[in-house]
Amino acid sequence: MLLVSQKAAAALHDTLDQNRKDDADILRIAQTDQGLALAIGKEHDGDQLIDHDERHILAIEPAVADALDGATLDLTETPEGPRLVFDAPEGLAS
């Protein structure tokens, strides 16, 4: 299971609040031709769901959730501003 730090969960929660069009919208991590992408979408059967403040904020499609098993999603400060990063344990191919 992907772990999400409190800082990252709070940032995802705020991002979802600012960008969703209806109550069923959720942030999704999905595989694209360019790699992993974060976008607004709907929950799908089989998604790994991440909650924050008693609400689903993030859905991860099953194949991606399997690949990220054991990793942590965190928020880090960069010169360009805050950035979400995956911290994968040694040996995890993500």
C-alpha atoms as a PDB file:
ATOM      1  CA  MET A   1       0.000   0.000   0.000  1.00  0.00           C
ATOM      2  CA  LEU A   2       1.177   3.511  -0.808  1.00  0.00           C
ATOM      3  CA  LEU A   3       1.623   5.596   2.341  1.00  0.00           C
ATOM      4  CA  VAL A   4       0.853   9.312   2.218  1.00  0.00           C
ATOM      5  CA  SER A   5       2.419  11.740   4.693  1.00  0.00           C
ATOM      6  CA  GLN A   6       0.197  14.195   6.538  1.00  0.00           C
ATOM      7  CA  LYS A   7       1.784  17.120   4.657  1.00  0.00           C
ATOM      8  CA  ALA A   8       1.121  15.464   1.295  1.00  0.00           C
ATOM      9  CA  ALA A   9      -2.439  14.498   2.279  1.00  0.00           C
ATOM     10  CA  ALA A  10      -3.206  18.066   3.340  1.00  0.00           C
ATOM     11  CA  ALA A  11      -1.802  19.422   0.048  1.00  0.00           C
ATOM     12  CA  LEU A  12      -3.826  16.892  -1.957  1.00  0.00           C
ATOM     13  CA  HIS A  13      -6.946  17.798   0.038  1.00  0.00           C
ATOM     14  CA  ASP A  14      -6.434  21.513  -0.716  1.00  0.00           C
ATOM     15  CA  THR A  15      -5.736  20.801  -4.400  1.00  0.00           C
ATOM     16  CA  LEU A  16      -8.901  18.732  -4.679  1.00  0.00           C
ATOM     17  CA  ASP A  17     -10.979  21.438  -2.962  1.00  0.00           C
ATOM     18  CA  GLN A  18      -9.653  24.078  -5.369  1.00  0.00           C
ATOM     19  CA  ASN A  19     -10.131  22.049  -8.558  1.00  0.00           C
ATOM     20  CA  ARG A  20     -13.076  19.707  -8.287  1.00  0.00           C
ATOM     21  CA  LYS A  21     -16.262  20.368 -10.206  1.00  0.00           C
ATOM     22  CA  ASP A  22     -18.588  18.121  -8.157  1.00  0.00           C
ATOM     23  CA  ASP A  23     -18.603  16.102  -4.942  1.00  0.00           C
ATOM     24  CA  ALA A  24     -17.775  12.836  -6.760  1.00  0.00           C
ATOM     25  CA  ASP A  25     -14.461  14.193  -8.088  1.00  0.00           C
ATOM     26  CA  ILE A  26     -11.268  12.772  -6.621  1.00  0.00           C
ATOM     27  CA  LEU A  27      -7.573  13.076  -7.433  1.00  0.00           C
ATOM     28  CA  ARG A  28      -6.292  10.025  -9.338  1.00  0.00           C
ATOM     29  CA  ILE A  29      -2.798   8.669  -9.873  1.00  0.00           C
ATOM     30  CA  ALA A  30      -2.679   6.801 -13.170  1.00  0.00           C
ATOM     31  CA  GLN A  31      -0.038   5.505 -15.573  1.00  0.00           C
ATOM     32  CA  THR A  32       0.327   7.469 -18.821  1.00  0.00           C
ATOM     33  CA  ASP A  33       2.776   7.243 -21.715  1.00  0.00           C
ATOM     34  CA  GLN A  34       4.853   9.926 -19.958  1.00  0.00           C
ATOM     35  CA  GLY A  35       4.844   8.172 -16.555  1.00  0.00           C
ATOM     36  CA  LEU A  36       2.646   8.714 -13.529  1.00  0.00           C
ATOM     37  CA  ALA A  37       0.092  11.516 -13.688  1.00  0.00           C
ATOM     38  CA  LEU A  38      -2.120  13.193 -11.118  1.00  0.00           C
ATOM     39  CA  ALA A  39      -5.508  14.344 -12.399  1.00  0.00           C
ATOM     40  CA  ILE A  40      -9.081  14.966 -11.297  1.00  0.00           C
ATOM     41  CA  GLY A  41     -11.367  12.015 -11.992  1.00  0.00           C
ATOM     42  CA  LYS A  42     -13.838   9.592 -10.461  1.00  0.00           C
ATOM     43  CA  GLU A  43     -13.289   6.542  -8.239  1.00  0.00           C
ATOM     44  CA  HIS A  44     -13.140   3.207 -10.089  1.00  0.00           C
ATOM     45  CA  ASP A  45     -13.736  -0.288  -8.765  1.00  0.00           C
ATOM     46  CA  GLY A  46     -10.488  -1.727  -7.396  1.00  0.00           C
ATOM     47  CA  ASP A  47      -8.812   1.636  -6.743  1.00  0.00           C
ATOM     48  CA  GLN A  48      -6.667   2.039  -3.653  1.00  0.00           C
ATOM     49  CA  LEU A  49      -8.266   4.975  -1.814  1.00  0.00           C
ATOM     50  CA  ILE A  50      -6.450   7.441   0.428  1.00  0.00           C
ATOM     51  CA  ASP A  51      -8.462   9.408   3.002  1.00  0.00           C
ATOM     52  CA  HIS A  52      -7.829  12.723   4.700  1.00  0.00           C
ATOM     53  CA  ASP A  53     -10.200  14.408   7.152  1.00  0.00           C
ATOM     54  CA  GLU A  54     -12.688  11.541   6.740  1.00  0.00           C
ATOM     55  CA  ARG A  55     -12.935  11.999   2.958  1.00  0.00           C
ATOM     56  CA  HIS A  56     -11.475  10.153  -0.036  1.00  0.00           C
ATOM     57  CA  ILE A  57      -8.929  12.484  -1.622  1.00  0.00           C
ATOM     58  CA  LEU A  58      -6.817  10.167  -3.779  1.00  0.00           C
ATOM     59  CA  ALA A  59      -7.532   7.095  -5.903  1.00  0.00           C
ATOM     60  CA  ILE A  60      -4.769   4.931  -7.346  1.00  0.00           C
ATOM     61  CA  GLU A  61      -5.489   2.476 -10.135  1.00  0.00           C
ATOM     62  CA  PRO A  62      -4.676  -1.130  -9.139  1.00  0.00           C
ATOM     63  CA  ALA A  63      -1.598  -1.680 -11.352  1.00  0.00           C
ATOM     64  CA  VAL A  64      -0.036   1.569 -10.143  1.00  0.00           C
ATOM     65  CA  ALA A  65      -0.935   0.805  -6.506  1.00  0.00           C
ATOM     66  CA  ASP A  66       0.853  -2.547  -6.835  1.00  0.00           C
ATOM     67  CA  ALA A  67       3.957  -0.860  -8.274  1.00  0.00           C
ATOM     68  CA  LEU A  68       3.963   1.752  -5.471  1.00  0.00           C
ATOM     69  CA  ASP A  69       3.408  -0.757  -2.658  1.00  0.00           C
ATOM     70  CA  GLY A  70       5.726   0.218   0.208  1.00  0.00           C
ATOM     71  CA  ALA A  71       6.486   3.706  -1.128  1.00  0.00           C
ATOM     72  CA  THR A  72       5.601   6.975   0.611  1.00  0.00           C
ATOM     73  CA  LEU A  73       4.172  10.078  -1.053  1.00  0.00           C
ATOM     74  CA  ASP A  74       5.497  13.188   0.680  1.00  0.00           C
ATOM     75  CA  LEU A  75       5.528  16.942   0.163  1.00  0.00           C
ATOM     76  CA  THR A  76       8.915  18.624  -0.040  1.00  0.00           C
ATOM     77  CA  GLU A  77       9.897  22.252  -0.452  1.00  0.00           C
ATOM     78  CA  THR A  78      11.924  23.126  -3.545  1.00  0.00           C
ATOM     79  CA  PRO A  79      13.175  26.473  -4.893  1.00  0.00           C
ATOM     80  CA  GLU A  80      10.200  26.317  -7.313  1.00  0.00           C
ATOM     81  CA  GLY A  81       7.729  25.692  -4.477  1.00  0.00           C
ATOM     82  CA  PRO A  82       6.184  22.625  -2.840  1.00  0.00           C
ATOM     83  CA  ARG A  83       6.431  19.352  -4.770  1.00  0.00           C
ATOM     84  CA  LEU A  84       4.965  15.885  -4.259  1.00  0.00           C
ATOM     85  CA  VAL A  85       7.644  13.187  -4.286  1.00  0.00           C
ATOM     86  CA  PHE A  86       7.682   9.407  -3.943  1.00  0.00           C
ATOM     87  CA  ASP A  87      10.125   7.939  -1.455  1.00  0.00           C
ATOM     88  CA  ALA A  88      10.513   4.302  -2.434  1.00  0.00           C
ATOM     89  CA  PRO A  89      12.233   1.794  -0.177  1.00  0.00           C
ATOM     90  CA  GLU A  90      15.468   0.319  -1.511  1.00  0.00           C
ATOM     91  CA  GLY A  91      14.762  -2.320  -4.110  1.00  0.00           C
ATOM     92  CA  LEU A  92      11.298  -1.013  -5.017  1.00  0.00           C
ATOM     93  CA  ALA A  93      10.919  -0.430  -8.732  1.00  0.00           C
ATOM     94  CA  SER A  94       8.375   2.352  -9.213  1.00  0.00           C
END
